[in-house]
Amino acid sequence: MKIGAYQFQITGDIASNFQKIKLAVLRASRENIRILIFPECSLTGYPPHDIASSSLCDFEQAILCCDELDKLAKKHEMYIVIGAIMRENDNYYNSAIVFTPMVERYVYQKRALWGWDRDNFHPGNQTGVFEVDGIKIGIRICFEIRFPEYFRELYRERTDLNIVMFYDISDNDDIARYDLMKAHIRTRAVENVCHTLSVNATGPYQTAPTAIYDRSGNTLMELKRNTPGLLVYDLALSELDFGECGRKEISDVFQKGKSEYDKRLY
């Protein structure tokens, strides 16, 4: 299955963001990409960096863009995953919206909220798992990469691919943070024996990568920092290697509790 991730500089201008997203979808269709992922808040901008607060989002315009993305997903038989602010009654959510070639959409809402997120959003309660052509995919958003527990949930769901949508940027170049965030992603891939893809906004300076890692944390492909671009990777799931089998076996025992782990060891 061909997967894609598009990075670009997100703004508070929904029309401008949507135009970049649409062009990326058209480009991805020429590459026969089946699922295309964009960064956190890629449609609406991220508060307060791009807009003052989530309540000031132009939701009428966002809804119109989402209707267009529905049409694009069906026209190109593509799954399109974007980040956006969503409103339900008086609550605002940092959301990942999955547009599908079928009728329904799937939505995951960020749960790990701190700082600006806590000021602007309400936590979600979904598991963050959907399926494309028999491949189970898990979604997580930005700050959730810091917590193994959110990815252990996906391990229990037996996901084949996990995606992490970031809006993790800095006004100053911070390669140390970039390397740290990359290490977090690679570790989540290793812990959960799962291919993991990350996608981030571009600037001014990226502090998390747009890249894909295999089940052992090896880099399969990584885009150049701070530059708009499309990552394209043909994901083919293979048999687990020796080390991956070991990690999975012991992880499965851990799911049953410590007493079972002790029995397994001794």
Protein backbone atom coordinates (compact mmCIF):
# COMPACT_ATOMS: atom_id res chain seq x y z
CA MET A 1 0.00 0.00 0.00
CA LYS A 2 1.41 3.37 -1.00
CA ILE A 3 1.31 5.90 1.81
CA GLY A 4 2.10 9.60 1.66
CA ALA A 5 2.80 12.42 4.11
CA TYR A 6 2.81 16.06 3.08
CA GLN A 7 4.62 18.76 5.06
CA PHE A 8 4.11 22.48 4.52
CA GLN A 9 4.06 25.77 6.43
CA ILE A 10 0.64 26.07 8.04
CA THR A 11 -1.02 29.46 8.54
CA GLY A 12 -4.23 30.83 10.04
CA ASP A 13 -5.66 31.28 6.53
CA ILE A 14 -7.93 28.28 5.92
CA ALA A 15 -8.26 29.01 2.20
CA SER A 16 -4.49 29.10 1.75
CA ASN A 17 -4.00 25.90 3.76
CA PHE A 18 -6.74 24.14 1.81
CA GLN A 19 -5.23 25.11 -1.52
CA LYS A 20 -1.90 23.51 -0.50
CA ILE A 21 -3.73 20.43 0.78
CA LYS A 22 -5.72 20.13 -2.46
CA LEU A 23 -2.62 20.42 -4.64
CA ALA A 24 -0.91 17.76 -2.51
CA VAL A 25 -3.92 15.45 -2.96
CA LEU A 26 -3.77 15.89 -6.74
CA ARG A 27 -0.04 15.19 -6.72
CA ALA A 28 -0.57 12.13 -4.52
CA SER A 29 -3.23 10.79 -6.89
CA ARG A 30 -0.67 10.81 -9.71
CA GLU A 31 1.60 8.73 -7.45
CA ASN A 32 -1.25 6.26 -6.78
CA ILE A 33 -1.08 6.97 -3.06
CA ARG A 34 -3.80 5.17 -1.11
CA ILE A 35 -3.57 7.11 2.16
CA LEU A 36 -2.25 10.67 2.49
CA ILE A 37 -1.55 12.29 5.89
CA PHE A 38 -1.15 15.96 6.77
CA PRO A 39 0.09 17.60 10.00
CA GLU A 40 -1.81 18.56 13.15
CA CYS A 41 -4.22 21.50 12.59
CA SER A 42 -3.13 21.59 8.93
CA LEU A 43 -6.47 22.92 7.68
CA THR A 44 -7.33 25.54 10.31
CA GLY A 45 -4.00 26.55 11.80
CA TYR A 46 -2.94 25.92 15.39
CA PRO A 47 -3.89 28.28 18.23
CA PRO A 48 -2.44 30.57 19.38
CA HIS A 49 0.44 30.34 16.89
CA ASP A 50 -1.70 30.91 13.78
CA ILE A 51 -5.02 32.12 15.25
CA ALA A 52 -5.61 33.70 18.65
CA SER A 53 -7.88 30.93 19.97
CA SER A 54 -9.85 27.90 18.80
CA SER A 55 -13.12 29.81 19.20
CA LEU A 56 -12.04 32.26 16.47
CA CYS A 57 -11.75 29.57 13.80
CA ASP A 58 -13.99 30.15 10.78
CA PHE A 59 -15.97 26.93 11.13
CA GLU A 60 -18.28 27.63 8.19
CA GLN A 61 -15.29 27.82 5.86
CA ALA A 62 -13.70 24.75 7.50
CA ILE A 63 -16.90 22.76 6.92
CA LEU A 64 -16.96 23.75 3.25
CA CYS A 65 -13.33 22.63 2.86
CA CYS A 66 -14.13 19.33 4.56
CA ASP A 67 -17.00 18.78 2.13
CA GLU A 68 -14.53 19.32 -0.73
CA LEU A 69 -12.10 16.85 0.84
CA ASP A 70 -14.91 14.30 1.01
CA LYS A 71 -15.35 14.70 -2.74
CA LEU A 72 -11.61 14.47 -3.41
CA ALA A 73 -11.31 11.27 -1.34
CA LYS A 74 -14.07 9.63 -3.34
CA LYS A 75 -12.89 10.92 -6.72
CA HIS A 76 -9.32 9.68 -6.22
CA GLU A 77 -10.24 6.60 -4.12
CA MET A 78 -7.88 7.88 -1.47
CA TYR A 79 -7.92 8.09 2.32
CA ILE A 80 -7.04 11.67 3.33
CA VAL A 81 -6.10 12.50 6.94
CA ILE A 82 -6.00 16.15 7.95
CA GLY A 83 -5.66 18.00 11.25
CA ALA A 84 -8.31 20.59 12.13
CA ILE A 85 -10.07 22.36 14.95
CA MET A 86 -13.58 20.92 15.36
CA ARG A 87 -16.47 22.33 17.36
CA GLU A 88 -19.17 20.29 19.08
CA ASN A 89 -21.63 22.44 21.00
CA ASP A 90 -19.40 24.60 23.23
CA ASN A 91 -16.38 22.29 23.10
CA TYR A 92 -13.42 22.57 20.71
CA TYR A 93 -11.29 19.59 19.72
CA ASN A 94 -7.83 19.17 18.22
CA SER A 95 -8.91 16.60 15.65
CA ALA A 96 -7.60 14.23 13.01
CA ILE A 97 -10.27 13.74 10.34
CA VAL A 98 -10.07 10.75 8.02
CA PHE A 99 -11.89 11.23 4.72
CA THR A 100 -12.58 7.92 3.00
CA PRO A 101 -13.67 6.74 -0.47
CA MET A 102 -16.82 5.45 1.24
CA VAL A 103 -19.58 7.52 2.83
CA GLU A 104 -18.34 7.82 6.40
CA ARG A 105 -15.58 9.88 7.98
CA TYR A 106 -13.54 8.83 10.98
CA VAL A 107 -12.44 11.35 13.64
CA TYR A 108 -9.81 11.08 16.37
CA GLN A 109 -9.53 13.87 18.95
CA LYS A 110 -6.30 14.57 20.84
CA ARG A 111 -6.36 13.51 24.48
CA ALA A 112 -2.98 14.58 25.91
CA LEU A 113 -3.61 18.29 26.45
CA TRP A 114 -1.16 20.69 28.08
CA GLY A 115 -0.29 24.37 27.75
CA TRP A 116 -1.80 25.88 24.62
CA ASP A 117 -3.77 22.69 23.97
CA ARG A 118 -5.40 22.81 27.40
CA ASP A 119 -6.20 26.50 26.89
CA ASN A 120 -7.94 25.82 23.58
CA PHE A 121 -9.27 22.27 23.46
CA HIS A 122 -11.37 19.64 25.18
CA PRO A 123 -9.94 16.07 25.39
CA GLY A 124 -11.36 13.39 23.12
CA ASN A 125 -12.26 9.81 24.00
CA GLN A 126 -11.75 7.72 20.84
CA THR A 127 -9.32 4.82 20.41
CA GLY A 128 -7.88 6.24 17.17
CA VAL A 129 -7.95 3.09 15.01
CA PHE A 130 -9.32 2.67 11.49
CA GLU A 131 -8.68 0.26 8.62
CA VAL A 132 -7.53 0.63 5.02
CA ASP A 133 -7.50 -2.43 2.73
CA GLY A 134 -7.16 -4.80 5.67
CA ILE A 135 -4.33 -2.79 7.30
CA LYS A 136 -5.11 -1.46 10.79
CA ILE A 137 -3.90 2.09 11.35
CA GLY A 138 -3.61 3.98 14.61
CA ILE A 139 -3.59 7.79 14.96
CA ARG A 140 -1.91 9.88 17.62
CA ILE A 141 -1.37 13.64 17.76
CA CYS A 142 1.86 15.46 18.70
CA PHE A 143 2.28 15.60 22.54
CA GLU A 144 0.91 12.05 22.80
CA ILE A 145 4.25 10.78 21.43
CA ARG A 146 5.75 11.51 24.87
CA PHE A 147 3.63 8.83 26.55
CA PRO A 148 4.12 5.10 25.87
CA GLU A 149 0.66 4.40 27.29
CA TYR A 150 -1.14 5.95 24.31
CA PHE A 151 0.79 3.68 21.96
CA ARG A 152 0.35 0.61 24.17
CA GLU A 153 -3.37 1.06 23.51
CA LEU A 154 -2.61 0.74 19.81
CA TYR A 155 -0.45 -2.32 20.45
CA ARG A 156 -3.43 -4.02 22.08
CA GLU A 157 -5.45 -3.17 18.97
CA ARG A 158 -2.77 -4.91 16.85
CA THR A 159 -2.22 -1.97 14.49
CA ASP A 160 0.02 -2.48 11.46
CA LEU A 161 0.90 1.21 11.02
CA ASN A 162 0.81 4.08 13.50
CA ILE A 163 0.75 7.70 12.34
CA VAL A 164 1.66 10.74 14.43
CA MET A 165 0.52 14.19 13.31
CA PHE A 166 2.69 17.03 14.61
CA TYR A 167 2.62 20.78 14.83
CA ASP A 168 6.04 20.95 16.49
CA ILE A 169 8.00 23.96 15.29
CA SER A 170 10.29 26.67 16.64
CA ASP A 171 11.18 30.25 15.72
CA ASN A 172 14.83 29.29 16.25
CA ASP A 173 16.71 26.32 14.89
CA ASP A 174 16.67 23.58 17.54
CA ILE A 175 18.27 20.44 16.15
CA ALA A 176 18.55 18.94 19.64
CA ARG A 177 14.77 18.93 20.03
CA TYR A 178 14.38 17.56 16.50
CA ASP A 179 16.67 14.65 17.38
CA LEU A 180 14.82 14.08 20.66
CA MET A 181 11.43 13.94 18.95
CA LYS A 182 12.83 11.57 16.34
CA ALA A 183 14.09 9.35 19.16
CA HIS A 184 10.62 9.30 20.73
CA ILE A 185 9.04 8.19 17.44
CA ARG A 186 11.66 5.50 16.84
CA THR A 187 11.22 4.22 20.39
CA ARG A 188 7.44 3.98 19.99
CA ALA A 189 8.04 1.98 16.78
CA VAL A 190 10.41 -0.40 18.56
CA GLU A 191 8.27 -0.83 21.70
CA ASN A 192 5.15 -1.65 19.75
CA VAL A 193 6.76 -3.56 16.87
CA CYS A 194 4.90 -1.35 14.44
CA HIS A 195 5.77 0.76 11.40
CA THR A 196 5.38 4.40 12.47
CA LEU A 197 4.96 7.46 10.28
CA SER A 198 5.27 11.06 11.46
CA VAL A 199 4.28 14.26 9.63
CA ASN A 200 5.01 17.80 10.77
CA ALA A 201 4.55 21.41 9.73
CA THR A 202 7.66 22.94 8.16
CA GLY A 203 8.47 26.11 9.89
CA PRO A 204 10.03 28.40 10.54
CA TYR A 205 12.04 25.44 11.92
CA GLN A 206 10.83 21.86 12.22
CA THR A 207 11.41 20.26 15.61
CA ALA A 208 9.95 16.87 14.67
CA PRO A 209 10.47 14.94 11.43
CA THR A 210 8.28 13.92 8.54
CA ALA A 211 9.50 10.35 8.18
CA ILE A 212 8.64 6.67 8.31
CA TYR A 213 10.33 4.07 10.52
CA ASP A 214 10.15 0.29 10.44
CA ARG A 215 9.22 -2.03 13.33
CA SER A 216 12.79 -1.88 14.64
CA GLY A 217 13.06 1.91 14.52
CA ASN A 218 15.15 2.09 11.36
CA THR A 219 14.59 5.12 9.14
CA LEU A 220 12.98 4.07 5.88
CA MET A 221 12.55 7.59 4.51
CA GLU A 222 12.81 11.14 5.89
CA LEU A 223 12.03 14.46 4.23
CA LYS A 224 14.38 17.43 4.29
CA ARG A 225 13.72 19.72 7.24
CA ASN A 226 11.94 23.09 6.87
CA THR A 227 11.03 22.49 3.21
CA PRO A 228 7.58 21.67 1.78
CA GLY A 229 7.48 18.19 0.32
CA LEU A 230 5.69 14.89 -0.19
CA LEU A 231 6.96 11.67 1.32
CA VAL A 232 5.94 8.60 -0.68
CA TYR A 233 6.54 5.09 0.61
CA ASP A 234 5.24 1.72 -0.59
CA LEU A 235 4.47 -0.17 2.62
CA ALA A 236 4.71 -3.94 2.32
CA LEU A 237 4.22 -5.84 5.56
CA SER A 238 6.71 -8.70 5.94
CA GLU A 239 7.26 -11.44 8.51
CA LEU A 240 8.72 -10.34 11.85
CA ASP A 241 12.46 -10.80 12.22
CA PHE A 242 14.13 -12.49 15.22
CA GLY A 243 14.30 -9.44 17.49
CA GLU A 244 10.80 -8.29 16.56
CA CYS A 245 9.40 -11.72 17.44
CA GLY A 246 11.07 -11.49 20.84
CA ARG A 247 9.71 -8.03 21.58
CA LYS A 248 6.24 -9.06 20.56
CA GLU A 249 6.26 -12.29 22.56
CA ILE A 250 7.36 -10.61 25.79
CA SER A 251 5.00 -7.67 25.22
CA ASP A 252 2.12 -10.11 24.85
CA VAL A 253 3.07 -11.73 28.15
CA PHE A 254 3.20 -8.32 29.82
CA GLN A 255 -0.37 -7.68 28.65
CA LYS A 256 -1.44 -10.62 30.84
CA GLY A 257 0.20 -9.14 33.95
CA LYS A 258 3.47 -9.34 35.87
CA SER A 259 2.80 -12.82 37.31
CA GLU A 260 2.61 -14.22 33.79
CA TYR A 261 5.84 -12.43 32.91
CA ASP A 262 7.57 -13.98 35.94
CA LYS A 263 6.39 -17.42 34.87
CA ARG A 264 7.70 -16.80 31.36
CA LEU A 265 11.14 -15.86 32.69
CA TYR A 266 11.51 -18.55 35.35
